[in-house]
């Protein structure tokens, strides 16, 4: 019996390692695609276009900032440009609104896209299920904590937290 358990454990460890390798490869491919498709020149041209849209510019900027979060695209230039386009305080506000809305959208899309896979993972690993149950009680604290940890990727964590029992309300409070 003990030999069978060890074989099963090593099988799951191998599958988990393959899954992590696959996730890393997909993420690296996505980053390479985004970096080669959307160069700095493209981003700057987009920022210039937004600046010419008059009263609609803040709305367009918030939508773009949200899309940057949802697509996991690098957002430094767009965020930095907000201060030049709208002034420091207004730019900060638009970046904040766009980032929170994008995070909420990613959080909402995650279960629609990955819920079946995460449920199977929770069934296979009871420790992950117990961790998830802890999220349901004080989820907003965990969501807020991830914003302060520099090595915790904010954009990916929006999707990961969408697969937990954290409610949209807790997520929004912790993110905002």
C-alpha atoms as a PDB file:
ATOM      1  CA  UNK A   1       0.000   0.000   0.000  1.00  0.00           C
ATOM      2  CA  UNK A   2       2.796   2.375   0.909  1.00  0.00           C
ATOM      3  CA  UNK A   3       4.575   1.773  -2.410  1.00  0.00           C
ATOM      4  CA  UNK A   4       1.397   2.585  -4.329  1.00  0.00           C
ATOM      5  CA  UNK A   5       0.972   5.831  -2.384  1.00  0.00           C
ATOM      6  CA  UNK A   6       4.574   6.839  -3.133  1.00  0.00           C
ATOM      7  CA  UNK A   7       4.090   6.077  -6.828  1.00  0.00           C
ATOM      8  CA  UNK A   8       0.856   8.092  -6.891  1.00  0.00           C
ATOM      9  CA  UNK A   9       2.545  10.955  -5.039  1.00  0.00           C
ATOM     10  CA  UNK A  10       5.493  11.019  -7.442  1.00  0.00           C
ATOM     11  CA  UNK A  11       3.076  10.859 -10.388  1.00  0.00           C
ATOM     12  CA  UNK A  12       1.219  13.935  -9.116  1.00  0.00           C
ATOM     13  CA  UNK A  13       4.480  15.713  -8.363  1.00  0.00           C
ATOM     14  CA  UNK A  14       5.615  15.070 -11.934  1.00  0.00           C
ATOM     15  CA  UNK A  15       2.314  16.309 -13.341  1.00  0.00           C
ATOM     16  CA  UNK A  16       2.447  19.420 -11.184  1.00  0.00           C
ATOM     17  CA  UNK A  17       5.995  20.111 -12.376  1.00  0.00           C
ATOM     18  CA  UNK A  18       4.889  19.708 -16.012  1.00  0.00           C
ATOM     19  CA  UNK A  19       1.953  22.037 -15.382  1.00  0.00           C
ATOM     20  CA  UNK A  20       4.271  24.687 -13.895  1.00  0.00           C
ATOM     21  CA  UNK A  21       6.634  24.354 -16.845  1.00  0.00           C
ATOM     22  CA  UNK A  22       3.722  24.703 -19.277  1.00  0.00           C
ATOM     23  CA  UNK A  23       2.377  27.776 -17.455  1.00  0.00           C
ATOM     24  CA  UNK A  24       5.842  29.352 -17.489  1.00  0.00           C
ATOM     25  CA  UNK A  25       6.228  28.643 -21.213  1.00  0.00           C
ATOM     26  CA  UNK A  26       2.829  30.149 -22.022  1.00  0.00           C
ATOM     27  CA  UNK A  27       3.551  33.223 -19.892  1.00  0.00           C
ATOM     28  CA  UNK A  28       6.973  33.688 -21.509  1.00  0.00           C
ATOM     29  CA  UNK A  29       5.435  33.319 -24.973  1.00  0.00           C
ATOM     30  CA  UNK A  30       2.779  35.889 -24.115  1.00  0.00           C
ATOM     31  CA  UNK A  31       5.386  38.360 -22.876  1.00  0.00           C
ATOM     32  CA  UNK A  32       7.507  37.878 -25.989  1.00  0.00           C
ATOM     33  CA  UNK A  33       4.436  38.312 -28.217  1.00  0.00           C
ATOM     34  CA  UNK A  34       3.351  41.482 -26.426  1.00  0.00           C
ATOM     35  CA  UNK A  35       6.853  42.940 -26.458  1.00  0.00           C
ATOM     36  CA  UNK A  36       7.320  42.321 -30.174  1.00  0.00           C
ATOM     37  CA  UNK A  37       3.788  43.283 -31.232  1.00  0.00           C
ATOM     38  CA  UNK A  38       3.333  46.355 -29.090  1.00  0.00           C
ATOM     39  CA  UNK A  39       6.560  48.290 -29.189  1.00  0.00           C
ATOM     40  CA  UNK A  40       7.163  51.533 -27.345  1.00  0.00           C
ATOM     41  CA  UNK A  41       6.365  53.369 -30.581  1.00  0.00           C
ATOM     42  CA  UNK A  42       2.922  51.766 -30.707  1.00  0.00           C
ATOM     43  CA  UNK A  43       2.229  52.698 -27.106  1.00  0.00           C
ATOM     44  CA  UNK A  44       3.416  56.267 -27.645  1.00  0.00           C
ATOM     45  CA  UNK A  45       1.248  56.594 -30.768  1.00  0.00           C
ATOM     46  CA  UNK A  46      -1.721  55.318 -28.770  1.00  0.00           C
ATOM     47  CA  UNK A  47      -1.044  57.809 -25.983  1.00  0.00           C
ATOM     48  CA  UNK A  48      -0.814  60.612 -28.515  1.00  0.00           C
ATOM     49  CA  UNK A  49      -4.135  59.526 -30.043  1.00  0.00           C
ATOM     50  CA  UNK A  50      -5.793  59.500 -26.599  1.00  0.00           C
ATOM     51  CA  UNK A  51      -4.483  63.015 -25.927  1.00  0.00           C
ATOM     52  CA  UNK A  52      -6.308  64.298 -29.032  1.00  0.00           C
ATOM     53  CA  UNK A  53      -9.700  62.928 -27.966  1.00  0.00           C
ATOM     54  CA  UNK A  54     -10.687  65.893 -25.799  1.00  0.00           C
ATOM     55  CA  UNK A  55     -13.301  65.192 -23.132  1.00  0.00           C
ATOM     56  CA  UNK A  56     -13.370  61.516 -24.077  1.00  0.00           C
ATOM     57  CA  UNK A  57      -9.644  61.094 -23.320  1.00  0.00           C
ATOM     58  CA  UNK A  58     -10.043  60.142 -19.623  1.00  0.00           C
ATOM     59  CA  UNK A  59     -12.622  57.470 -20.449  1.00  0.00           C
ATOM     60  CA  UNK A  60     -10.450  56.030 -23.226  1.00  0.00           C
ATOM     61  CA  UNK A  61      -7.429  56.082 -20.949  1.00  0.00           C
ATOM     62  CA  UNK A  62      -9.273  54.182 -18.195  1.00  0.00           C
ATOM     63  CA  UNK A  63     -10.394  51.580 -20.756  1.00  0.00           C
ATOM     64  CA  UNK A  64      -6.813  51.200 -22.053  1.00  0.00           C
ATOM     65  CA  UNK A  65      -5.428  50.928 -18.532  1.00  0.00           C
ATOM     66  CA  UNK A  66      -8.007  48.221 -17.764  1.00  0.00           C
ATOM     67  CA  UNK A  67      -7.038  46.310 -20.896  1.00  0.00           C
ATOM     68  CA  UNK A  68      -3.373  46.495 -19.927  1.00  0.00           C
ATOM     69  CA  UNK A  69      -4.219  44.772 -16.642  1.00  0.00           C
ATOM     70  CA  UNK A  70      -6.478  42.126 -18.209  1.00  0.00           C
ATOM     71  CA  UNK A  71      -4.035  41.245 -21.014  1.00  0.00           C
ATOM     72  CA  UNK A  72      -1.008  41.204 -18.682  1.00  0.00           C
ATOM     73  CA  UNK A  73       0.684  43.739 -20.932  1.00  0.00           C
ATOM     74  CA  UNK A  74       3.410  45.996 -19.542  1.00  0.00           C
ATOM     75  CA  UNK A  75       1.795  49.222 -18.436  1.00  0.00           C
ATOM     76  CA  UNK A  76       4.658  51.432 -17.342  1.00  0.00           C
ATOM     77  CA  UNK A  77       4.588  53.837 -20.307  1.00  0.00           C
ATOM     78  CA  UNK A  78       0.820  54.201 -20.184  1.00  0.00           C
ATOM     79  CA  UNK A  79       0.799  54.820 -16.434  1.00  0.00           C
ATOM     80  CA  UNK A  80       3.689  57.252 -16.673  1.00  0.00           C
ATOM     81  CA  UNK A  81       2.021  59.141 -19.535  1.00  0.00           C
ATOM     82  CA  UNK A  82      -1.125  59.696 -17.452  1.00  0.00           C
ATOM     83  CA  UNK A  83       0.653  62.406 -15.465  1.00  0.00           C
ATOM     84  CA  UNK A  84       1.640  64.244 -18.632  1.00  0.00           C
ATOM     85  CA  UNK A  85      -1.786  63.896 -20.219  1.00  0.00           C
ATOM     86  CA  UNK A  86      -3.980  64.817 -17.263  1.00  0.00           C
ATOM     87  CA  UNK A  87      -1.696  66.259 -14.585  1.00  0.00           C
ATOM     88  CA  UNK A  88      -0.318  64.354 -11.614  1.00  0.00           C
ATOM     89  CA  UNK A  89      -3.451  63.954  -9.462  1.00  0.00           C
ATOM     90  CA  UNK A  90      -5.943  63.370 -12.257  1.00  0.00           C
ATOM     91  CA  UNK A  91      -3.502  60.986 -13.978  1.00  0.00           C
ATOM     92  CA  UNK A  92      -3.007  59.087 -10.723  1.00  0.00           C
ATOM     93  CA  UNK A  93      -6.786  58.841 -10.335  1.00  0.00           C
ATOM     94  CA  UNK A  94      -7.319  57.541 -13.898  1.00  0.00           C
ATOM     95  CA  UNK A  95      -4.538  54.976 -13.549  1.00  0.00           C
ATOM     96  CA  UNK A  96      -6.034  53.822 -10.242  1.00  0.00           C
ATOM     97  CA  UNK A  97      -9.565  53.543 -11.654  1.00  0.00           C
ATOM     98  CA  UNK A  98      -8.365  51.696 -14.768  1.00  0.00           C
ATOM     99  CA  UNK A  99      -6.197  49.330 -12.742  1.00  0.00           C
ATOM    100  CA  UNK A 100      -8.979  48.469 -10.281  1.00  0.00           C
ATOM    101  CA  UNK A 101     -11.520  47.968 -13.084  1.00  0.00           C
ATOM    102  CA  UNK A 102      -9.051  45.807 -15.025  1.00  0.00           C
ATOM    103  CA  UNK A 103      -8.287  43.762 -11.915  1.00  0.00           C
ATOM    104  CA  UNK A 104     -12.008  43.253 -11.285  1.00  0.00           C
ATOM    105  CA  UNK A 105     -12.499  42.168 -14.897  1.00  0.00           C
ATOM    106  CA  UNK A 106      -9.620  39.661 -14.709  1.00  0.00           C
ATOM    107  CA  UNK A 107     -10.971  38.395 -11.379  1.00  0.00           C
ATOM    108  CA  UNK A 108     -14.388  37.882 -12.975  1.00  0.00           C
ATOM    109  CA  UNK A 109     -13.008  36.241 -16.139  1.00  0.00           C
ATOM    110  CA  UNK A 110     -10.880  33.696 -14.255  1.00  0.00           C
ATOM    111  CA  UNK A 111     -13.685  31.416 -13.045  1.00  0.00           C
ATOM    112  CA  UNK A 112     -15.409  31.576 -16.412  1.00  0.00           C
ATOM    113  CA  UNK A 113     -12.210  30.421 -18.083  1.00  0.00           C
ATOM    114  CA  UNK A 114     -10.452  28.163 -15.581  1.00  0.00           C
ATOM    115  CA  UNK A 115     -12.981  27.066 -12.921  1.00  0.00           C
ATOM    116  CA  UNK A 116     -13.200  23.395 -13.961  1.00  0.00           C
ATOM    117  CA  UNK A 117      -9.439  23.007 -13.810  1.00  0.00           C
ATOM    118  CA  UNK A 118      -9.172  24.713 -10.432  1.00  0.00           C
ATOM    119  CA  UNK A 119     -11.970  22.578  -8.963  1.00  0.00           C
ATOM    120  CA  UNK A 120     -10.114  19.422 -10.004  1.00  0.00           C
ATOM    121  CA  UNK A 121      -6.918  20.806  -8.475  1.00  0.00           C
ATOM    122  CA  UNK A 122      -8.748  21.529  -5.199  1.00  0.00           C
ATOM    123  CA  UNK A 123     -10.110  17.968  -5.167  1.00  0.00           C
ATOM    124  CA  UNK A 124      -6.671  16.433  -5.692  1.00  0.00           C
ATOM    125  CA  UNK A 125      -4.886  18.572  -3.113  1.00  0.00           C
ATOM    126  CA  UNK A 126      -6.920  19.032   0.107  1.00  0.00           C
ATOM    127  CA  UNK A 127      -4.319  21.464   1.476  1.00  0.00           C
ATOM    128  CA  UNK A 128      -5.128  23.879  -1.346  1.00  0.00           C
ATOM    129  CA  UNK A 129      -8.845  23.540  -0.538  1.00  0.00           C
ATOM    130  CA  UNK A 130      -8.142  24.391   3.136  1.00  0.00           C
ATOM    131  CA  UNK A 131      -6.139  27.416   2.030  1.00  0.00           C
ATOM    132  CA  UNK A 132      -9.033  28.470  -0.191  1.00  0.00           C
ATOM    133  CA  UNK A 133     -11.468  28.190   2.727  1.00  0.00           C
ATOM    134  CA  UNK A 134      -9.211  30.574   4.667  1.00  0.00           C
ATOM    135  CA  UNK A 135      -9.520  33.034   1.801  1.00  0.00           C
ATOM    136  CA  UNK A 136     -13.291  33.086   2.130  1.00  0.00           C
ATOM    137  CA  UNK A 137     -13.163  34.445   5.681  1.00  0.00           C
ATOM    138  CA  UNK A 138     -10.568  37.215   5.423  1.00  0.00           C
ATOM    139  CA  UNK A 139     -10.112  37.405   1.681  1.00  0.00           C
ATOM    140  CA  UNK A 140      -9.772  41.179   1.496  1.00  0.00           C
ATOM    141  CA  UNK A 141      -6.730  41.033   3.794  1.00  0.00           C
ATOM    142  CA  UNK A 142      -5.027  38.488   1.566  1.00  0.00           C
ATOM    143  CA  UNK A 143      -5.894  40.514  -1.535  1.00  0.00           C
ATOM    144  CA  UNK A 144      -4.491  43.658   0.074  1.00  0.00           C
ATOM    145  CA  UNK A 145      -1.365  41.841   1.266  1.00  0.00           C
ATOM    146  CA  UNK A 146      -0.455  40.736  -2.259  1.00  0.00           C
ATOM    147  CA  UNK A 147      -0.301  44.399  -3.299  1.00  0.00           C
ATOM    148  CA  UNK A 148       2.522  44.995  -0.810  1.00  0.00           C
ATOM    149  CA  UNK A 149       4.674  42.002  -1.736  1.00  0.00           C
ATOM    150  CA  UNK A 150       6.982  43.004  -4.586  1.00  0.00           C
ATOM    151  CA  UNK A 151       7.598  39.475  -5.922  1.00  0.00           C
ATOM    152  CA  UNK A 152       3.861  38.662  -6.078  1.00  0.00           C
ATOM    153  CA  UNK A 153       2.764  39.466  -9.664  1.00  0.00           C
ATOM    154  CA  UNK A 154      -0.265  41.747  -9.373  1.00  0.00           C
ATOM    155  CA  UNK A 155      -1.745  41.066 -12.805  1.00  0.00           C
ATOM    156  CA  UNK A 156      -1.487  37.276 -12.574  1.00  0.00           C
ATOM    157  CA  UNK A 157      -2.792  37.277  -9.018  1.00  0.00           C
ATOM    158  CA  UNK A 158      -6.048  38.858 -10.226  1.00  0.00           C
ATOM    159  CA  UNK A 159      -6.730  35.690 -12.196  1.00  0.00           C
ATOM    160  CA  UNK A 160      -5.495  33.375  -9.436  1.00  0.00           C
ATOM    161  CA  UNK A 161      -7.693  35.035  -6.820  1.00  0.00           C
ATOM    162  CA  UNK A 162     -10.670  34.713  -9.157  1.00  0.00           C
ATOM    163  CA  UNK A 163     -10.374  30.943  -8.740  1.00  0.00           C
ATOM    164  CA  UNK A 164     -10.620  31.118  -4.971  1.00  0.00           C
ATOM    165  CA  UNK A 165     -13.599  31.679  -2.714  1.00  0.00           C
ATOM    166  CA  UNK A 166     -12.758  35.362  -2.302  1.00  0.00           C
ATOM    167  CA  UNK A 167     -15.882  37.359  -3.144  1.00  0.00           C
ATOM    168  CA  UNK A 168     -15.862  40.200  -5.673  1.00  0.00           C
ATOM    169  CA  UNK A 169     -16.589  42.613  -2.802  1.00  0.00           C
ATOM    170  CA  UNK A 170     -13.603  41.415  -0.770  1.00  0.00           C
ATOM    171  CA  UNK A 171     -11.449  41.504  -3.878  1.00  0.00           C
ATOM    172  CA  UNK A 172     -12.488  45.058  -4.741  1.00  0.00           C
ATOM    173  CA  UNK A 173     -11.914  46.327  -1.185  1.00  0.00           C
ATOM    174  CA  UNK A 174      -8.502  44.657  -1.053  1.00  0.00           C
ATOM    175  CA  UNK A 175      -7.484  45.915  -4.494  1.00  0.00           C
ATOM    176  CA  UNK A 176      -8.763  49.468  -4.207  1.00  0.00           C
END
